[in-house]
Amino acid sequence: MGIYTEKLEDIKKLIGNLHTQVPEQIGAFQNFMEAVEKPSALDQKEKELINIALSIAAQCEWCIALHVKGALAQKATKEEILDAAMQAVLMHGGPALMYMTPVEKALEEFIDG
């Protein structure tokens, strides 16, 4: 199992634990997340690409893993993912550039397996 697959497993475990520990709050958050992520003015692929850029700016490797995987599931290309990621670099500078590393590693893991 690769590191980014492990990060996805970390997310599943965390959400499961939170359903036990704070079910009302995590349920409300998940309802909000589902409402925001469903297609509307933007389709799911566009939203995943935006989320990749935001994940980089927030420096969240778990988020990067989740949204790279999500973008690939929505048929985003490697080029689209990298282009979206570079938007974070443009807006967030050098620290965001360093978070291109986990994006590239996640792409390698999820595409090349």
C-alpha atoms as a PDB file:
ATOM      1  CA  MET A   1       0.000   0.000   0.000  1.00  0.00           C
ATOM      2  CA  GLY A   2       1.387   3.386  -0.990  1.00  0.00           C
ATOM      3  CA  ILE A   3       1.590   6.423   1.256  1.00  0.00           C
ATOM      4  CA  TYR A   4      -1.328   8.222  -0.421  1.00  0.00           C
ATOM      5  CA  THR A   5      -3.515   5.140  -0.296  1.00  0.00           C
ATOM      6  CA  GLU A   6      -2.631   5.040   3.425  1.00  0.00           C
ATOM      7  CA  LYS A   7      -3.714   8.674   3.729  1.00  0.00           C
ATOM      8  CA  LEU A   8      -7.082   7.740   2.219  1.00  0.00           C
ATOM      9  CA  GLU A   9      -7.339   4.933   4.789  1.00  0.00           C
ATOM     10  CA  ASP A  10      -6.463   7.470   7.530  1.00  0.00           C
ATOM     11  CA  ILE A  11      -9.390   9.611   6.379  1.00  0.00           C
ATOM     12  CA  LYS A  12     -11.804   6.658   6.454  1.00  0.00           C
ATOM     13  CA  LYS A  13     -10.639   5.711   9.946  1.00  0.00           C
ATOM     14  CA  LEU A  14     -10.919   9.289  11.205  1.00  0.00           C
ATOM     15  CA  ILE A  15     -14.448   9.720   9.818  1.00  0.00           C
ATOM     16  CA  GLY A  16     -15.482   6.378  11.324  1.00  0.00           C
ATOM     17  CA  ASN A  17     -14.109   7.398  14.732  1.00  0.00           C
ATOM     18  CA  LEU A  18     -15.824  10.775  14.536  1.00  0.00           C
ATOM     19  CA  HIS A  19     -19.151   9.108  13.721  1.00  0.00           C
ATOM     20  CA  THR A  20     -18.832   7.399  17.107  1.00  0.00           C
ATOM     21  CA  GLN A  21     -17.396  10.327  19.061  1.00  0.00           C
ATOM     22  CA  VAL A  22     -19.228  13.337  17.590  1.00  0.00           C
ATOM     23  CA  PRO A  23     -21.939  11.920  15.309  1.00  0.00           C
ATOM     24  CA  GLU A  24     -24.058  15.067  15.058  1.00  0.00           C
ATOM     25  CA  GLN A  25     -21.170  17.317  14.085  1.00  0.00           C
ATOM     26  CA  ILE A  26     -19.540  14.954  11.585  1.00  0.00           C
ATOM     27  CA  GLY A  27     -22.941  14.142  10.091  1.00  0.00           C
ATOM     28  CA  ALA A  28     -23.653  17.846   9.608  1.00  0.00           C
ATOM     29  CA  PHE A  29     -20.231  18.381   8.053  1.00  0.00           C
ATOM     30  CA  GLN A  30     -20.708  15.451   5.672  1.00  0.00           C
ATOM     31  CA  ASN A  31     -24.162  16.733   4.663  1.00  0.00           C
ATOM     32  CA  PHE A  32     -22.633  20.148   3.939  1.00  0.00           C
ATOM     33  CA  MET A  33     -19.778  18.561   1.990  1.00  0.00           C
ATOM     34  CA  GLU A  34     -22.196  16.505  -0.132  1.00  0.00           C
ATOM     35  CA  ALA A  35     -24.335  19.576  -0.859  1.00  0.00           C
ATOM     36  CA  VAL A  36     -21.323  21.634  -1.936  1.00  0.00           C
ATOM     37  CA  GLU A  37     -19.661  18.894  -3.988  1.00  0.00           C
ATOM     38  CA  LYS A  38     -22.660  17.889  -6.092  1.00  0.00           C
ATOM     39  CA  PRO A  39     -22.721  19.265  -9.634  1.00  0.00           C
ATOM     40  CA  SER A  40     -24.177  22.735 -10.005  1.00  0.00           C
ATOM     41  CA  ALA A  41     -22.639  25.673 -11.891  1.00  0.00           C
ATOM     42  CA  LEU A  42     -19.382  23.670 -11.791  1.00  0.00           C
ATOM     43  CA  ASP A  43     -19.194  19.977 -12.537  1.00  0.00           C
ATOM     44  CA  GLN A  44     -17.558  17.481 -10.179  1.00  0.00           C
ATOM     45  CA  LYS A  45     -14.301  17.380 -12.121  1.00  0.00           C
ATOM     46  CA  GLU A  46     -13.943  21.159 -11.991  1.00  0.00           C
ATOM     47  CA  LYS A  47     -14.660  21.108  -8.263  1.00  0.00           C
ATOM     48  CA  GLU A  48     -12.053  18.405  -7.666  1.00  0.00           C
ATOM     49  CA  LEU A  49      -9.472  20.426  -9.585  1.00  0.00           C
ATOM     50  CA  ILE A  50     -10.255  23.487  -7.467  1.00  0.00           C
ATOM     51  CA  ASN A  51     -10.007  21.326  -4.355  1.00  0.00           C
ATOM     52  CA  ILE A  52      -6.547  20.146  -5.413  1.00  0.00           C
ATOM     53  CA  ALA A  53      -5.361  23.753  -5.604  1.00  0.00           C
ATOM     54  CA  LEU A  54      -6.933  24.554  -2.248  1.00  0.00           C
ATOM     55  CA  SER A  55      -5.401  21.419  -0.714  1.00  0.00           C
ATOM     56  CA  ILE A  56      -1.966  22.574  -1.805  1.00  0.00           C
ATOM     57  CA  ALA A  57      -2.514  26.078  -0.454  1.00  0.00           C
ATOM     58  CA  ALA A  58      -3.719  24.569   2.848  1.00  0.00           C
ATOM     59  CA  GLN A  59      -0.699  22.217   2.860  1.00  0.00           C
ATOM     60  CA  CYS A  60      -2.902  19.180   3.590  1.00  0.00           C
ATOM     61  CA  GLU A  61      -1.469  15.936   2.231  1.00  0.00           C
ATOM     62  CA  TRP A  62      -4.625  13.996   3.199  1.00  0.00           C
ATOM     63  CA  CYS A  63      -6.688  16.482   1.199  1.00  0.00           C
ATOM     64  CA  ILE A  64      -4.283  16.214  -1.737  1.00  0.00           C
ATOM     65  CA  ALA A  65      -4.634  12.418  -1.750  1.00  0.00           C
ATOM     66  CA  LEU A  66      -8.428  12.624  -1.518  1.00  0.00           C
ATOM     67  CA  HIS A  67      -8.838  15.189  -4.275  1.00  0.00           C
ATOM     68  CA  VAL A  68      -6.222  13.809  -6.689  1.00  0.00           C
ATOM     69  CA  LYS A  69      -8.009  10.455  -6.410  1.00  0.00           C
ATOM     70  CA  GLY A  70     -11.366  12.222  -6.823  1.00  0.00           C
ATOM     71  CA  ALA A  71     -10.198  14.180  -9.863  1.00  0.00           C
ATOM     72  CA  LEU A  72      -8.890  11.016 -11.505  1.00  0.00           C
ATOM     73  CA  ALA A  73     -12.233   9.325 -10.791  1.00  0.00           C
ATOM     74  CA  GLN A  74     -13.889  12.234 -12.624  1.00  0.00           C
ATOM     75  CA  LYS A  75     -11.594  11.581 -15.630  1.00  0.00           C
ATOM     76  CA  ALA A  76      -9.283  14.551 -15.045  1.00  0.00           C
ATOM     77  CA  THR A  77      -6.003  14.137 -16.850  1.00  0.00           C
ATOM     78  CA  LYS A  78      -2.594  14.392 -15.235  1.00  0.00           C
ATOM     79  CA  GLU A  79      -2.100  17.623 -17.189  1.00  0.00           C
ATOM     80  CA  GLU A  80      -5.342  19.124 -15.834  1.00  0.00           C
ATOM     81  CA  ILE A  81      -4.382  18.159 -12.282  1.00  0.00           C
ATOM     82  CA  LEU A  82      -0.928  19.698 -12.604  1.00  0.00           C
ATOM     83  CA  ASP A  83      -2.385  22.835 -14.206  1.00  0.00           C
ATOM     84  CA  ALA A  84      -4.839  23.231 -11.312  1.00  0.00           C
ATOM     85  CA  ALA A  85      -2.027  22.617  -8.844  1.00  0.00           C
ATOM     86  CA  MET A  86       0.067  25.354 -10.438  1.00  0.00           C
ATOM     87  CA  GLN A  87      -2.751  27.827  -9.759  1.00  0.00           C
ATOM     88  CA  ALA A  88      -2.078  27.297  -6.058  1.00  0.00           C
ATOM     89  CA  VAL A  89       1.608  27.923  -6.653  1.00  0.00           C
ATOM     90  CA  LEU A  90       0.778  31.159  -8.465  1.00  0.00           C
ATOM     91  CA  MET A  91      -1.426  32.382  -5.622  1.00  0.00           C
ATOM     92  CA  HIS A  92       0.472  30.909  -2.668  1.00  0.00           C
ATOM     93  CA  GLY A  93       4.105  31.007  -3.785  1.00  0.00           C
ATOM     94  CA  GLY A  94       7.077  28.849  -2.805  1.00  0.00           C
ATOM     95  CA  PRO A  95       5.439  26.831  -0.012  1.00  0.00           C
ATOM     96  CA  ALA A  96       2.722  25.756  -2.449  1.00  0.00           C
ATOM     97  CA  LEU A  97       5.391  24.797  -4.965  1.00  0.00           C
ATOM     98  CA  MET A  98       6.808  22.335  -2.432  1.00  0.00           C
ATOM     99  CA  TYR A  99       3.358  20.733  -2.098  1.00  0.00           C
ATOM    100  CA  MET A 100       3.547  19.827  -5.783  1.00  0.00           C
ATOM    101  CA  THR A 101       5.708  16.949  -4.462  1.00  0.00           C
ATOM    102  CA  PRO A 102       2.794  15.089  -2.834  1.00  0.00           C
ATOM    103  CA  VAL A 103       0.624  15.841  -5.882  1.00  0.00           C
ATOM    104  CA  GLU A 104       3.186  14.203  -8.149  1.00  0.00           C
ATOM    105  CA  LYS A 105       3.627  11.262  -5.772  1.00  0.00           C
ATOM    106  CA  ALA A 106      -0.140  10.767  -5.501  1.00  0.00           C
ATOM    107  CA  LEU A 107      -0.454  10.841  -9.293  1.00  0.00           C
ATOM    108  CA  GLU A 108       2.324   8.273  -9.611  1.00  0.00           C
ATOM    109  CA  GLU A 109       0.689   6.044  -7.019  1.00  0.00           C
ATOM    110  CA  PHE A 110      -2.862   6.295  -8.331  1.00  0.00           C
ATOM    111  CA  ILE A 111      -2.048   6.211 -12.061  1.00  0.00           C
ATOM    112  CA  ASP A 112       0.984   3.925 -12.204  1.00  0.00           C
ATOM    113  CA  GLY A 113      -0.115   1.896  -9.201  1.00  0.00           C
END
